[in-house]
């Protein structure tokens, strides 16, 4: 393989890696939405990015649970029993 061919292949590989990285970055910008449907009700919560930490995901879940009508004290009691 000559130097020019090696350079072209190397450049193409770098371009492919760059495109994959850009796609991954764009995925982080995608919104994440959680929706729960029950008893003819629909509860949703959404954030503007998909790369959530576990804490952020848990907060979204708690928003859904509160939207279902569970009192804050009931939620706290549940977590106290788990620990």
N, C-alpha and C. Protein backbone atom coordinates (compact mmCIF):
# COMPACT_ATOMS: atom_id res chain seq x y z
N UNK A 1 0.86 -1.17 0.00
CA UNK A 1 0.00 0.00 0.00
C UNK A 1 0.90 1.23 0.00
N UNK A 2 0.60 2.17 -0.87
CA UNK A 2 1.45 3.36 -0.93
C UNK A 2 1.05 4.38 0.12
N UNK A 3 1.87 5.37 0.32
CA UNK A 3 1.67 6.38 1.37
C UNK A 3 0.37 7.15 1.17
N UNK A 4 0.04 7.44 -0.08
CA UNK A 4 -1.18 8.21 -0.35
C UNK A 4 -2.41 7.39 0.04
N UNK A 5 -2.42 6.12 -0.29
CA UNK A 5 -3.54 5.24 0.07
C UNK A 5 -3.65 5.12 1.59
N UNK A 6 -2.53 4.94 2.27
CA UNK A 6 -2.53 4.85 3.73
C UNK A 6 -3.08 6.13 4.34
N UNK A 7 -2.67 7.27 3.79
CA UNK A 7 -3.15 8.56 4.31
C UNK A 7 -4.66 8.69 4.12
N UNK A 8 -5.14 8.29 2.92
CA UNK A 8 -6.58 8.38 2.65
C UNK A 8 -7.37 7.48 3.59
N UNK A 9 -6.89 6.26 3.80
CA UNK A 9 -7.58 5.34 4.70
C UNK A 9 -7.56 5.87 6.13
N UNK A 10 -6.42 6.40 6.53
CA UNK A 10 -6.29 6.96 7.88
C UNK A 10 -7.23 8.16 8.04
N UNK A 11 -7.28 9.00 7.03
CA UNK A 11 -8.15 10.18 7.07
C UNK A 11 -9.61 9.74 7.14
N UNK A 12 -9.98 8.72 6.36
CA UNK A 12 -11.36 8.24 6.36
C UNK A 12 -11.71 7.65 7.72
N UNK A 13 -10.80 6.91 8.32
CA UNK A 13 -11.04 6.33 9.65
C UNK A 13 -11.24 7.44 10.67
N UNK A 14 -10.42 8.48 10.60
CA UNK A 14 -10.56 9.61 11.52
C UNK A 14 -11.88 10.33 11.30
N UNK A 15 -12.27 10.46 10.05
CA UNK A 15 -13.55 11.10 9.73
C UNK A 15 -14.70 10.27 10.29
N UNK A 16 -14.63 8.96 10.14
CA UNK A 16 -15.67 8.08 10.68
C UNK A 16 -15.76 8.21 12.20
N UNK A 17 -14.61 8.23 12.87
CA UNK A 17 -14.60 8.38 14.33
C UNK A 17 -15.19 9.72 14.74
N UNK A 18 -14.85 10.76 14.01
CA UNK A 18 -15.38 12.10 14.31
C UNK A 18 -16.89 12.12 14.14
N UNK A 19 -17.39 11.51 13.06
CA UNK A 19 -18.84 11.47 12.83
C UNK A 19 -19.55 10.71 13.94
N UNK A 20 -18.96 9.60 14.39
CA UNK A 20 -19.56 8.84 15.49
C UNK A 20 -19.58 9.66 16.78
N UNK A 21 -18.51 10.40 17.03
CA UNK A 21 -18.46 11.23 18.23
C UNK A 21 -19.51 12.32 18.17
N UNK A 22 -19.68 12.92 17.01
CA UNK A 22 -20.70 13.98 16.85
C UNK A 22 -22.09 13.40 17.09
N UNK A 23 -22.35 12.20 16.57
CA UNK A 23 -23.66 11.56 16.79
C UNK A 23 -23.89 11.32 18.28
N UNK A 24 -22.84 10.88 18.99
CA UNK A 24 -22.98 10.65 20.42
C UNK A 24 -23.26 11.95 21.15
N UNK A 25 -22.58 13.01 20.75
CA UNK A 25 -22.82 14.32 21.38
C UNK A 25 -24.25 14.75 21.11
N UNK A 26 -24.73 14.57 19.88
CA UNK A 26 -26.10 14.94 19.54
C UNK A 26 -27.10 14.14 20.36
N UNK A 27 -26.79 12.88 20.66
CA UNK A 27 -27.70 12.06 21.46
C UNK A 27 -27.86 12.65 22.85
N UNK A 28 -26.80 13.25 23.38
CA UNK A 28 -26.89 13.85 24.70
C UNK A 28 -27.85 15.03 24.70
N UNK A 29 -28.05 15.62 23.53
CA UNK A 29 -28.93 16.77 23.42
C UNK A 29 -30.38 16.37 23.21
N UNK A 30 -30.62 15.09 22.94
CA UNK A 30 -31.99 14.63 22.74
C UNK A 30 -32.76 14.67 24.05
N UNK A 31 -34.00 15.12 24.01
CA UNK A 31 -34.78 15.14 25.25
C UNK A 31 -35.17 13.74 25.69
N UNK A 32 -35.38 13.59 26.97
CA UNK A 32 -35.85 12.33 27.54
C UNK A 32 -37.22 12.61 28.17
N UNK A 33 -38.16 11.74 27.87
CA UNK A 33 -39.51 11.93 28.38
C UNK A 33 -39.99 10.62 28.99
N UNK A 34 -40.57 10.72 30.16
CA UNK A 34 -41.16 9.56 30.83
C UNK A 34 -42.66 9.84 30.93
N UNK A 35 -43.45 8.87 30.49
CA UNK A 35 -44.91 9.02 30.51
C UNK A 35 -45.53 7.79 31.17
N UNK A 36 -46.50 8.04 32.02
CA UNK A 36 -47.25 6.98 32.69
C UNK A 36 -48.73 7.20 32.36
N UNK A 37 -49.39 6.15 31.91
CA UNK A 37 -50.82 6.22 31.63
C UNK A 37 -51.54 5.26 32.57
N UNK A 38 -52.54 5.77 33.27
CA UNK A 38 -53.34 4.94 34.18
C UNK A 38 -54.67 5.63 34.43
N UNK A 39 -55.71 4.83 34.61
CA UNK A 39 -57.06 5.35 34.90
C UNK A 39 -57.45 6.55 34.03
N UNK A 40 -57.24 6.42 32.75
CA UNK A 40 -57.56 7.49 31.79
C UNK A 40 -56.81 8.78 32.06
N UNK A 41 -55.68 8.69 32.75
CA UNK A 41 -54.82 9.85 32.99
C UNK A 41 -53.49 9.60 32.33
N UNK A 42 -52.83 10.67 31.98
CA UNK A 42 -51.50 10.58 31.39
C UNK A 42 -50.61 11.60 32.12
N UNK A 43 -49.53 11.11 32.70
CA UNK A 43 -48.60 11.98 33.43
C UNK A 43 -47.26 11.88 32.73
N UNK A 44 -46.66 13.02 32.41
CA UNK A 44 -45.37 13.03 31.73
C UNK A 44 -44.44 14.01 32.41
N UNK A 45 -43.17 13.70 32.31
CA UNK A 45 -42.13 14.62 32.73
C UNK A 45 -41.01 14.51 31.71
N UNK A 46 -40.31 15.60 31.49
CA UNK A 46 -39.32 15.64 30.42
C UNK A 46 -38.15 16.53 30.80
N UNK A 47 -36.97 16.14 30.34
CA UNK A 47 -35.77 16.98 30.45
C UNK A 47 -35.19 17.15 29.06
N UNK A 48 -34.33 18.14 28.90
CA UNK A 48 -33.82 18.49 27.57
C UNK A 48 -32.59 17.69 27.14
N UNK A 49 -32.20 16.69 27.91
CA UNK A 49 -31.03 15.88 27.54
C UNK A 49 -31.27 14.43 27.95
N UNK A 50 -30.56 13.53 27.27
CA UNK A 50 -30.76 12.11 27.52
C UNK A 50 -29.67 11.49 28.39
N UNK A 51 -28.60 12.19 28.59
CA UNK A 51 -27.49 11.62 29.36
C UNK A 51 -27.66 11.95 30.85
N UNK A 52 -28.67 11.34 31.44
CA UNK A 52 -29.03 11.61 32.83
C UNK A 52 -28.14 10.83 33.79
N UNK A 53 -27.92 11.42 34.94
CA UNK A 53 -27.33 10.66 36.03
C UNK A 53 -28.46 9.87 36.67
N UNK A 54 -28.12 8.91 37.50
CA UNK A 54 -29.13 8.13 38.19
C UNK A 54 -29.96 9.02 39.12
N UNK A 55 -29.32 10.01 39.74
CA UNK A 55 -30.05 10.94 40.60
C UNK A 55 -31.09 11.74 39.80
N UNK A 56 -30.71 12.20 38.61
CA UNK A 56 -31.65 12.95 37.78
C UNK A 56 -32.82 12.08 37.36
N UNK A 57 -32.53 10.84 36.98
CA UNK A 57 -33.59 9.91 36.60
C UNK A 57 -34.53 9.64 37.78
N UNK A 58 -33.96 9.50 38.94
CA UNK A 58 -34.77 9.26 40.15
C UNK A 58 -35.68 10.45 40.43
N UNK A 59 -35.17 11.65 40.26
CA UNK A 59 -36.01 12.85 40.46
C UNK A 59 -37.17 12.87 39.49
N UNK A 60 -36.95 12.46 38.24
CA UNK A 60 -38.05 12.39 37.27
C UNK A 60 -39.09 11.38 37.73
N UNK A 61 -38.61 10.23 38.23
CA UNK A 61 -39.53 9.21 38.74
C UNK A 61 -40.37 9.77 39.88
N UNK A 62 -39.72 10.50 40.80
CA UNK A 62 -40.46 11.07 41.92
C UNK A 62 -41.51 12.08 41.45
N UNK A 63 -41.22 12.81 40.38
CA UNK A 63 -42.22 13.73 39.82
C UNK A 63 -43.44 12.95 39.34
N UNK A 64 -43.20 11.81 38.69
CA UNK A 64 -44.30 10.96 38.23
C UNK A 64 -45.12 10.45 39.42
N UNK A 65 -44.42 9.96 40.44
CA UNK A 65 -45.10 9.42 41.62
C UNK A 65 -45.95 10.50 42.30
N UNK A 66 -45.39 11.70 42.43
CA UNK A 66 -46.18 12.80 43.03
C UNK A 66 -47.37 13.15 42.14
N UNK A 67 -47.16 13.10 40.83
CA UNK A 67 -48.26 13.38 39.89
C UNK A 67 -49.38 12.36 39.98
N UNK A 68 -49.04 11.15 40.41
CA UNK A 68 -50.05 10.11 40.60
C UNK A 68 -50.89 10.37 41.83
N UNK A 69 -50.44 11.28 42.68
CA UNK A 69 -51.23 11.64 43.85
C UNK A 69 -50.66 11.18 45.17
N UNK A 70 -49.51 10.53 45.14
CA UNK A 70 -48.90 10.11 46.41
C UNK A 70 -48.38 11.33 47.17
N UNK A 71 -48.68 11.37 48.44
CA UNK A 71 -48.24 12.48 49.28
C UNK A 71 -46.74 12.38 49.52
N UNK A 72 -46.11 13.51 49.70
CA UNK A 72 -44.68 13.55 49.95
C UNK A 72 -44.32 12.71 51.18
N UNK A 73 -45.16 12.77 52.22
CA UNK A 73 -44.88 12.00 53.43
C UNK A 73 -44.93 10.49 53.16
N UNK A 74 -45.83 10.05 52.29
CA UNK A 74 -45.92 8.64 51.93
C UNK A 74 -44.66 8.20 51.19
N UNK A 75 -44.17 9.05 50.31
CA UNK A 75 -42.94 8.74 49.57
C UNK A 75 -41.76 8.65 50.53
N UNK A 76 -41.66 9.61 51.43
CA UNK A 76 -40.57 9.57 52.42
C UNK A 76 -40.64 8.31 53.28
N UNK A 77 -41.85 7.95 53.72
CA UNK A 77 -42.02 6.75 54.54
C UNK A 77 -41.57 5.50 53.79
N UNK A 78 -41.90 5.43 52.52
CA UNK A 78 -41.51 4.29 51.71
C UNK A 78 -39.99 4.16 51.68
N UNK A 79 -39.31 5.26 51.42
CA UNK A 79 -37.84 5.21 51.33
C UNK A 79 -37.20 4.94 52.69
N UNK A 80 -37.83 5.41 53.75
CA UNK A 80 -37.32 5.12 55.10
C UNK A 80 -37.40 3.62 55.37
N UNK A 81 -38.47 2.98 54.93
CA UNK A 81 -38.62 1.54 55.15
C UNK A 81 -37.59 0.74 54.37
N UNK A 82 -37.15 1.25 53.22
CA UNK A 82 -36.16 0.55 52.42
C UNK A 82 -34.77 0.59 53.03
N UNK A 83 -34.48 1.64 53.75
CA UNK A 83 -33.12 1.77 54.28
C UNK A 83 -32.94 1.16 55.65
